[in-house]
Amino acid sequence: MAEHTSSSITIDAAPADVMGVISDFARYPEWTGEVKEAEVLASDAQGRAEQVRLVLDAGAIKDDHTLAYTWHGDDEVSWTLVKSQMLRALDGSYRLAPVGGGDRTEVTYRLTVDVKIPMLGMIKRKAEKVIIDRALAGLKKRVESGAGA
């Protein structure tokens, strides 16, 4: 099994507010630097995305891929790669945990990436770490600005 990279951040908002931003895929291009397009292809009975097509431009990596999402209650979402031009695997998750009185949330982002081109493990893990850190910082800024409401 491939190794994963994970990191956490605390956001000054309730878990429901954080998940509201995470689940609003159409607005990803507004707050994530790398996602240029996001299109929900399928939704579940509760209206949550089950498959999402994302167009990514992360400098050296440009890709058009589709992810399948699985929702675990209201505090976790995970995804796995369905199809991609450049990636062999892209599996990850956001796990939310209330902090203190519930008006703050610890968000843990876990990610495993495998590219179709050969890449040293150390370089791949560094890239995963950069992706995670940027995503968490962008999520924090978006949620705390109130723009996701």
N, C-alpha and C. Protein backbone atom coordinates (compact mmCIF):
# COMPACT_ATOMS: atom_id res chain seq x y z
N MET A 1 0.84 -1.19 0.00
CA MET A 1 0.00 0.00 0.00
C MET A 1 0.88 1.24 0.00
N ALA A 2 0.46 2.27 -0.73
CA ALA A 2 1.22 3.50 -0.82
C ALA A 2 1.20 4.24 0.50
N GLU A 3 2.28 4.97 0.75
CA GLU A 3 2.34 5.79 1.96
C GLU A 3 1.47 7.02 1.77
N HIS A 4 0.97 7.54 2.88
CA HIS A 4 0.16 8.75 2.81
C HIS A 4 0.85 9.87 3.58
N THR A 5 0.39 11.08 3.31
CA THR A 5 0.86 12.26 4.01
C THR A 5 -0.37 12.89 4.66
N SER A 6 -0.21 13.40 5.88
CA SER A 6 -1.34 14.07 6.52
C SER A 6 -0.86 15.27 7.32
N SER A 7 -1.80 16.18 7.54
CA SER A 7 -1.53 17.38 8.31
C SER A 7 -2.86 17.87 8.87
N SER A 8 -2.78 18.67 9.94
CA SER A 8 -3.99 19.20 10.57
C SER A 8 -3.86 20.70 10.78
N ILE A 9 -5.03 21.34 10.89
CA ILE A 9 -5.09 22.77 11.17
C ILE A 9 -6.36 23.02 11.99
N THR A 10 -6.35 24.04 12.83
CA THR A 10 -7.54 24.41 13.59
C THR A 10 -8.16 25.65 12.95
N ILE A 11 -9.46 25.57 12.71
CA ILE A 11 -10.20 26.65 12.07
C ILE A 11 -11.21 27.21 13.07
N ASP A 12 -11.30 28.53 13.13
CA ASP A 12 -12.21 29.20 14.05
C ASP A 12 -13.63 29.22 13.48
N ALA A 13 -14.24 28.05 13.44
CA ALA A 13 -15.62 27.90 12.96
C ALA A 13 -16.11 26.52 13.39
N ALA A 14 -17.43 26.38 13.42
CA ALA A 14 -18.04 25.09 13.77
C ALA A 14 -17.80 24.08 12.65
N PRO A 15 -17.75 22.78 12.99
CA PRO A 15 -17.54 21.75 11.97
C PRO A 15 -18.53 21.85 10.80
N ALA A 16 -19.78 22.17 11.06
CA ALA A 16 -20.78 22.25 9.98
C ALA A 16 -20.41 23.35 8.98
N ASP A 17 -19.86 24.46 9.47
CA ASP A 17 -19.45 25.55 8.58
C ASP A 17 -18.26 25.13 7.72
N VAL A 18 -17.33 24.41 8.34
CA VAL A 18 -16.16 23.93 7.61
C VAL A 18 -16.59 22.94 6.53
N MET A 19 -17.45 21.98 6.89
CA MET A 19 -17.90 20.99 5.92
C MET A 19 -18.72 21.64 4.82
N GLY A 20 -19.41 22.72 5.14
CA GLY A 20 -20.15 23.45 4.11
C GLY A 20 -19.25 23.96 3.01
N VAL A 21 -18.07 24.46 3.38
CA VAL A 21 -17.11 24.93 2.38
C VAL A 21 -16.49 23.75 1.63
N ILE A 22 -16.12 22.71 2.36
CA ILE A 22 -15.51 21.53 1.73
C ILE A 22 -16.46 20.92 0.69
N SER A 23 -17.74 20.87 0.99
CA SER A 23 -18.70 20.19 0.12
C SER A 23 -19.22 21.06 -1.03
N ASP A 24 -18.83 22.33 -1.06
CA ASP A 24 -19.29 23.25 -2.10
C ASP A 24 -18.28 23.27 -3.25
N PHE A 25 -18.27 22.19 -4.03
CA PHE A 25 -17.26 22.00 -5.07
C PHE A 25 -17.30 23.08 -6.13
N ALA A 26 -18.47 23.57 -6.48
CA ALA A 26 -18.59 24.58 -7.52
C ALA A 26 -17.77 25.84 -7.21
N ARG A 27 -17.54 26.10 -5.92
CA ARG A 27 -16.81 27.30 -5.53
C ARG A 27 -15.32 27.07 -5.30
N TYR A 28 -14.83 25.84 -5.49
CA TYR A 28 -13.40 25.56 -5.30
C TYR A 28 -12.49 26.49 -6.10
N PRO A 29 -12.82 26.81 -7.36
CA PRO A 29 -11.92 27.72 -8.10
C PRO A 29 -11.77 29.10 -7.45
N GLU A 30 -12.71 29.48 -6.58
CA GLU A 30 -12.64 30.78 -5.91
C GLU A 30 -11.59 30.81 -4.79
N TRP A 31 -11.30 29.64 -4.19
CA TRP A 31 -10.40 29.67 -3.02
C TRP A 31 -9.24 28.69 -3.08
N THR A 32 -9.24 27.78 -4.04
CA THR A 32 -8.09 26.90 -4.18
C THR A 32 -7.30 27.37 -5.39
N GLY A 33 -6.03 27.56 -5.24
CA GLY A 33 -5.22 28.06 -6.33
C GLY A 33 -5.11 27.10 -7.49
N GLU A 34 -5.11 25.80 -7.22
CA GLU A 34 -4.84 24.80 -8.25
C GLU A 34 -6.08 24.37 -9.03
N VAL A 35 -7.26 24.40 -8.42
CA VAL A 35 -8.48 23.95 -9.09
C VAL A 35 -9.02 25.08 -9.97
N LYS A 36 -9.03 24.84 -11.27
CA LYS A 36 -9.51 25.84 -12.22
C LYS A 36 -10.96 25.63 -12.60
N GLU A 37 -11.41 24.36 -12.56
CA GLU A 37 -12.81 24.03 -12.84
C GLU A 37 -13.22 22.89 -11.92
N ALA A 38 -14.49 22.92 -11.49
CA ALA A 38 -15.04 21.83 -10.69
C ALA A 38 -16.49 21.61 -11.13
N GLU A 39 -16.81 20.36 -11.44
CA GLU A 39 -18.14 20.03 -11.91
C GLU A 39 -18.64 18.77 -11.20
N VAL A 40 -19.75 18.89 -10.50
CA VAL A 40 -20.35 17.73 -9.84
C VAL A 40 -21.06 16.90 -10.91
N LEU A 41 -20.63 15.65 -11.06
CA LEU A 41 -21.20 14.75 -12.07
C LEU A 41 -22.33 13.90 -11.54
N ALA A 42 -22.31 13.60 -10.24
CA ALA A 42 -23.35 12.77 -9.62
C ALA A 42 -23.46 13.13 -8.14
N SER A 43 -24.69 13.07 -7.63
CA SER A 43 -24.95 13.38 -6.22
C SER A 43 -25.75 12.26 -5.58
N ASP A 44 -25.64 12.15 -4.23
CA ASP A 44 -26.42 11.14 -3.51
C ASP A 44 -27.80 11.69 -3.16
N ALA A 45 -28.59 10.90 -2.43
CA ALA A 45 -29.97 11.28 -2.09
C ALA A 45 -30.03 12.54 -1.23
N GLN A 46 -28.94 12.83 -0.47
CA GLN A 46 -28.91 14.03 0.36
C GLN A 46 -28.34 15.24 -0.39
N GLY A 47 -28.04 15.06 -1.67
CA GLY A 47 -27.52 16.18 -2.46
C GLY A 47 -26.02 16.36 -2.36
N ARG A 48 -25.34 15.43 -1.69
CA ARG A 48 -23.88 15.52 -1.57
C ARG A 48 -23.22 14.90 -2.79
N ALA A 49 -22.13 15.50 -3.22
CA ALA A 49 -21.44 15.04 -4.43
C ALA A 49 -20.92 13.62 -4.25
N GLU A 50 -21.14 12.79 -5.27
CA GLU A 50 -20.58 11.43 -5.29
C GLU A 50 -19.44 11.33 -6.30
N GLN A 51 -19.54 12.10 -7.40
CA GLN A 51 -18.45 12.15 -8.38
C GLN A 51 -18.27 13.59 -8.81
N VAL A 52 -16.99 14.00 -8.84
CA VAL A 52 -16.66 15.39 -9.20
C VAL A 52 -15.51 15.38 -10.19
N ARG A 53 -15.67 16.14 -11.25
CA ARG A 53 -14.59 16.34 -12.23
C ARG A 53 -13.87 17.63 -11.87
N LEU A 54 -12.54 17.54 -11.76
CA LEU A 54 -11.71 18.69 -11.40
C LEU A 54 -10.64 18.92 -12.46
N VAL A 55 -10.49 20.16 -12.87
CA VAL A 55 -9.39 20.54 -13.76
C VAL A 55 -8.37 21.25 -12.90
N LEU A 56 -7.18 20.69 -12.87
CA LEU A 56 -6.11 21.15 -11.99
C LEU A 56 -4.98 21.78 -12.79
N ASP A 57 -4.45 22.88 -12.27
CA ASP A 57 -3.24 23.47 -12.84
C ASP A 57 -2.35 23.84 -11.67
N ALA A 58 -1.41 22.94 -11.37
CA ALA A 58 -0.50 23.15 -10.24
C ALA A 58 0.93 23.29 -10.78
N GLY A 59 1.08 24.19 -11.74
CA GLY A 59 2.40 24.42 -12.32
C GLY A 59 2.82 23.26 -13.19
N ALA A 60 3.73 22.43 -12.68
CA ALA A 60 4.24 21.30 -13.45
C ALA A 60 3.19 20.24 -13.68
N ILE A 61 2.18 20.17 -12.81
CA ILE A 61 1.13 19.15 -12.95
C ILE A 61 -0.16 19.83 -13.39
N LYS A 62 -0.59 19.46 -14.59
CA LYS A 62 -1.87 19.90 -15.10
C LYS A 62 -2.66 18.63 -15.37
N ASP A 63 -3.90 18.57 -14.87
CA ASP A 63 -4.65 17.34 -15.01
C ASP A 63 -6.14 17.62 -15.04
N ASP A 64 -6.87 16.72 -15.67
CA ASP A 64 -8.33 16.72 -15.70
C ASP A 64 -8.70 15.35 -15.14
N HIS A 65 -9.23 15.33 -13.92
CA HIS A 65 -9.52 14.04 -13.31
C HIS A 65 -10.89 14.03 -12.63
N THR A 66 -11.37 12.80 -12.37
CA THR A 66 -12.65 12.61 -11.70
C THR A 66 -12.42 11.83 -10.41
N LEU A 67 -13.03 12.32 -9.34
CA LEU A 67 -12.92 11.69 -8.03
C LEU A 67 -14.29 11.19 -7.58
N ALA A 68 -14.30 10.06 -6.87
CA ALA A 68 -15.51 9.53 -6.25
C ALA A 68 -15.44 9.84 -4.76
N TYR A 69 -16.50 10.44 -4.22
CA TYR A 69 -16.54 10.85 -2.82
C TYR A 69 -17.45 9.95 -2.01
N THR A 70 -17.02 9.67 -0.77
CA THR A 70 -17.81 8.92 0.19
C THR A 70 -17.93 9.77 1.44
N TRP A 71 -19.16 9.97 1.89
CA TRP A 71 -19.43 10.80 3.06
C TRP A 71 -19.63 9.89 4.27
N HIS A 72 -18.91 10.18 5.34
CA HIS A 72 -18.99 9.41 6.58
C HIS A 72 -19.61 10.31 7.64
N GLY A 73 -20.94 10.31 7.70
CA GLY A 73 -21.64 11.21 8.62
C GLY A 73 -21.41 12.65 8.20
N ASP A 74 -21.36 13.53 9.20
CA ASP A 74 -21.19 14.96 8.93
C ASP A 74 -19.77 15.43 9.21
N ASP A 75 -18.87 14.49 9.61
CA ASP A 75 -17.55 14.94 10.03
C ASP A 75 -16.39 14.36 9.23
N GLU A 76 -16.70 13.62 8.16
CA GLU A 76 -15.60 13.09 7.34
C GLU A 76 -16.07 12.84 5.92
N VAL A 77 -15.19 13.16 4.98
CA VAL A 77 -15.41 12.83 3.57
C VAL A 77 -14.09 12.27 3.03
N SER A 78 -14.21 11.21 2.25
CA SER A 78 -13.01 10.64 1.63
C SER A 78 -13.25 10.54 0.13
N TRP A 79 -12.15 10.41 -0.61
CA TRP A 79 -12.27 10.31 -2.06
C TRP A 79 -11.22 9.38 -2.61
N THR A 80 -11.53 8.90 -3.83
CA THR A 80 -10.62 8.03 -4.55
C THR A 80 -10.70 8.38 -6.03
N LEU A 81 -9.63 8.14 -6.73
CA LEU A 81 -9.54 8.49 -8.14
C LEU A 81 -10.38 7.54 -9.00
N VAL A 82 -11.16 8.12 -9.91
CA VAL A 82 -11.93 7.34 -10.88
C VAL A 82 -11.17 7.30 -12.20
N LYS A 83 -10.76 8.49 -12.69
CA LYS A 83 -9.98 8.55 -13.93
C LYS A 83 -9.14 9.82 -13.94
N SER A 84 -8.03 9.74 -14.68
CA SER A 84 -7.08 10.84 -14.72
C SER A 84 -6.17 10.69 -15.93
N GLN A 85 -5.60 11.81 -16.35
CA GLN A 85 -4.61 11.78 -17.42
C GLN A 85 -3.22 11.52 -16.86
N MET A 86 -2.91 12.10 -15.69
CA MET A 86 -1.55 12.05 -15.15
C MET A 86 -1.38 11.18 -13.91
N LEU A 87 -2.48 10.90 -13.22
CA LEU A 87 -2.39 10.24 -11.92
C LEU A 87 -2.79 8.77 -11.99
N ARG A 88 -2.11 7.96 -11.22
CA ARG A 88 -2.46 6.55 -11.06
C ARG A 88 -3.38 6.40 -9.85
N ALA A 89 -3.17 7.24 -8.83
CA ALA A 89 -3.99 7.21 -7.62
C ALA A 89 -4.05 8.61 -7.01
N LEU A 90 -5.18 8.94 -6.43
CA LEU A 90 -5.36 10.17 -5.67
C LEU A 90 -6.44 9.86 -4.64
N ASP A 91 -6.00 9.45 -3.47
CA ASP A 91 -6.91 9.07 -2.40
C ASP A 91 -6.68 10.01 -1.23
N GLY A 92 -7.77 10.43 -0.61
CA GLY A 92 -7.60 11.34 0.52
C GLY A 92 -8.85 11.45 1.34
N SER A 93 -8.75 12.28 2.37
CA SER A 93 -9.90 12.52 3.23
C SER A 93 -9.72 13.81 4.02
N TYR A 94 -10.85 14.38 4.40
CA TYR A 94 -10.92 15.45 5.38
C TYR A 94 -11.66 14.86 6.57
N ARG A 95 -11.08 14.97 7.76
CA ARG A 95 -11.77 14.54 8.98
C ARG A 95 -11.87 15.76 9.90
N LEU A 96 -13.07 16.03 10.39
CA LEU A 96 -13.33 17.20 11.23
C LEU A 96 -13.60 16.75 12.66
N ALA A 97 -13.04 17.50 13.61
CA ALA A 97 -13.29 17.22 15.03
C ALA A 97 -13.50 18.55 15.75
N PRO A 98 -14.62 18.68 16.49
CA PRO A 98 -14.85 19.92 17.23
C PRO A 98 -13.79 20.11 18.30
N VAL A 99 -13.44 21.37 18.54
CA VAL A 99 -12.45 21.73 19.55
C VAL A 99 -13.12 22.65 20.56
N GLY A 100 -12.86 22.42 21.83
CA GLY A 100 -13.45 23.27 22.87
C GLY A 100 -14.95 23.14 22.88
N GLY A 101 -15.64 24.26 22.80
CA GLY A 101 -17.10 24.27 22.85
C GLY A 101 -17.75 23.98 21.52
N GLY A 102 -16.96 23.62 20.50
CA GLY A 102 -17.54 23.31 19.21
C GLY A 102 -17.55 24.47 18.24
N ASP A 103 -17.00 25.63 18.69
CA ASP A 103 -16.95 26.78 17.80
C ASP A 103 -15.60 26.85 17.05
N ARG A 104 -14.78 25.82 17.25
CA ARG A 104 -13.52 25.66 16.52
C ARG A 104 -13.47 24.22 16.04
N THR A 105 -12.74 24.00 14.95
CA THR A 105 -12.68 22.67 14.35
C THR A 105 -11.26 22.31 13.99
N GLU A 106 -10.84 21.11 14.38
CA GLU A 106 -9.56 20.61 13.91
C GLU A 106 -9.85 19.81 12.64
N VAL A 107 -9.17 20.20 11.56
CA VAL A 107 -9.34 19.55 10.27
C VAL A 107 -8.06 18.77 9.97
N THR A 108 -8.20 17.48 9.72
CA THR A 108 -7.07 16.65 9.33
C THR A 108 -7.27 16.23 7.88
N TYR A 109 -6.28 16.54 7.06
CA TYR A 109 -6.30 16.22 5.63
C TYR A 109 -5.27 15.14 5.40
N ARG A 110 -5.71 14.05 4.81
CA ARG A 110 -4.82 12.91 4.52
C ARG A 110 -4.83 12.70 3.01
N LEU A 111 -3.66 12.46 2.42
CA LEU A 111 -3.57 12.37 0.97
C LEU A 111 -2.53 11.34 0.54
N THR A 112 -2.88 10.58 -0.49
CA THR A 112 -1.95 9.67 -1.15
C THR A 112 -2.04 9.95 -2.64
N VAL A 113 -0.91 10.26 -3.25
CA VAL A 113 -0.85 10.55 -4.68
C VAL A 113 0.14 9.60 -5.33
N ASP A 114 -0.24 9.07 -6.49
CA ASP A 114 0.69 8.26 -7.28
C ASP A 114 0.56 8.74 -8.72
N VAL A 115 1.66 9.20 -9.28
CA VAL A 115 1.66 9.72 -10.64
C VAL A 115 2.09 8.63 -11.62
N LYS A 116 1.67 8.79 -12.87
CA LYS A 116 2.00 7.79 -13.89
C LYS A 116 3.46 7.87 -14.32
N ILE A 117 4.09 9.04 -14.14
CA ILE A 117 5.50 9.17 -14.48
C ILE A 117 6.35 8.79 -13.27
N PRO A 118 7.54 8.24 -13.48
CA PRO A 118 8.39 7.87 -12.34
C PRO A 118 8.77 9.10 -11.51
N MET A 119 8.71 8.95 -10.17
CA MET A 119 9.05 10.05 -9.26
C MET A 119 9.59 9.45 -7.97
N LEU A 120 10.67 10.00 -7.47
CA LEU A 120 11.23 9.54 -6.20
C LEU A 120 10.21 9.73 -5.09
N GLY A 121 10.15 8.76 -4.17
CA GLY A 121 9.21 8.81 -3.06
C GLY A 121 9.33 10.08 -2.24
N MET A 122 10.56 10.52 -2.00
CA MET A 122 10.79 11.73 -1.20
C MET A 122 10.20 12.95 -1.90
N ILE A 123 10.33 13.05 -3.20
CA ILE A 123 9.80 14.18 -3.96
C ILE A 123 8.28 14.12 -3.97
N LYS A 124 7.73 12.91 -4.12
CA LYS A 124 6.28 12.74 -4.13
C LYS A 124 5.68 13.15 -2.79
N ARG A 125 6.30 12.74 -1.68
CA ARG A 125 5.79 13.10 -0.36
C ARG A 125 5.88 14.61 -0.12
N LYS A 126 6.94 15.24 -0.62
CA LYS A 126 7.07 16.69 -0.51
C LYS A 126 5.94 17.37 -1.28
N ALA A 127 5.63 16.86 -2.47
CA ALA A 127 4.53 17.43 -3.26
C ALA A 127 3.20 17.25 -2.53
N GLU A 128 2.98 16.07 -1.94
CA GLU A 128 1.76 15.84 -1.17
C GLU A 128 1.66 16.84 -0.02
N LYS A 129 2.76 17.07 0.67
CA LYS A 129 2.78 17.99 1.81
C LYS A 129 2.43 19.41 1.36
N VAL A 130 2.98 19.84 0.23
CA VAL A 130 2.68 21.18 -0.30
C VAL A 130 1.19 21.28 -0.65
N ILE A 131 0.65 20.25 -1.31
CA ILE A 131 -0.78 20.24 -1.67
C ILE A 131 -1.64 20.35 -0.42
N ILE A 132 -1.33 19.54 0.59
CA ILE A 132 -2.10 19.55 1.84
C ILE A 132 -2.01 20.89 2.54
N ASP A 133 -0.80 21.42 2.69
CA ASP A 133 -0.63 22.68 3.41
C ASP A 133 -1.35 23.83 2.71
N ARG A 134 -1.29 23.87 1.39
CA ARG A 134 -2.00 24.92 0.63
C ARG A 134 -3.51 24.76 0.78
N ALA A 135 -3.98 23.51 0.70
CA ALA A 135 -5.42 23.26 0.82
C ALA A 135 -5.94 23.65 2.19
N LEU A 136 -5.21 23.28 3.25
CA LEU A 136 -5.65 23.62 4.61
C LEU A 136 -5.62 25.13 4.84
N ALA A 137 -4.58 25.79 4.37
CA ALA A 137 -4.49 27.25 4.53
C ALA A 137 -5.62 27.94 3.77
N GLY A 138 -5.89 27.48 2.55
CA GLY A 138 -6.98 28.06 1.76
C GLY A 138 -8.33 27.82 2.39
N LEU A 139 -8.54 26.61 2.91
CA LEU A 139 -9.79 26.27 3.59
C LEU A 139 -9.99 27.15 4.81
N LYS A 140 -8.95 27.29 5.63
CA LYS A 140 -9.03 28.13 6.83
C LYS A 140 -9.39 29.56 6.47
N LYS A 141 -8.71 30.11 5.48
CA LYS A 141 -8.95 31.50 5.07
C LYS A 141 -10.39 31.66 4.56
N ARG A 142 -10.82 30.70 3.74
CA ARG A 142 -12.16 30.77 3.16
C ARG A 142 -13.24 30.69 4.24
N VAL A 143 -13.13 29.72 5.15
CA VAL A 143 -14.13 29.54 6.21
C VAL A 143 -14.15 30.74 7.14
N GLU A 144 -12.97 31.17 7.61
CA GLU A 144 -12.91 32.25 8.59
C GLU A 144 -13.29 33.60 8.01
N SER A 145 -13.21 33.75 6.68
CA SER A 145 -13.63 35.01 6.06
C SER A 145 -15.15 35.12 5.96
N GLY A 146 -15.83 33.98 6.15
CA GLY A 146 -17.28 33.97 6.04
C GLY A 146 -17.77 33.87 4.61
N ALA A 147 -16.85 33.74 3.64
CA ALA A 147 -17.23 33.70 2.23
C ALA A 147 -17.93 32.40 1.86
N GLY A 148 -17.75 31.37 2.68
CA GLY A 148 -18.35 30.08 2.35
C GLY A 148 -19.79 29.95 2.79
N ALA A 149 -20.26 30.91 3.57
CA ALA A 149 -21.61 30.81 4.12
C ALA A 149 -22.68 31.06 3.08
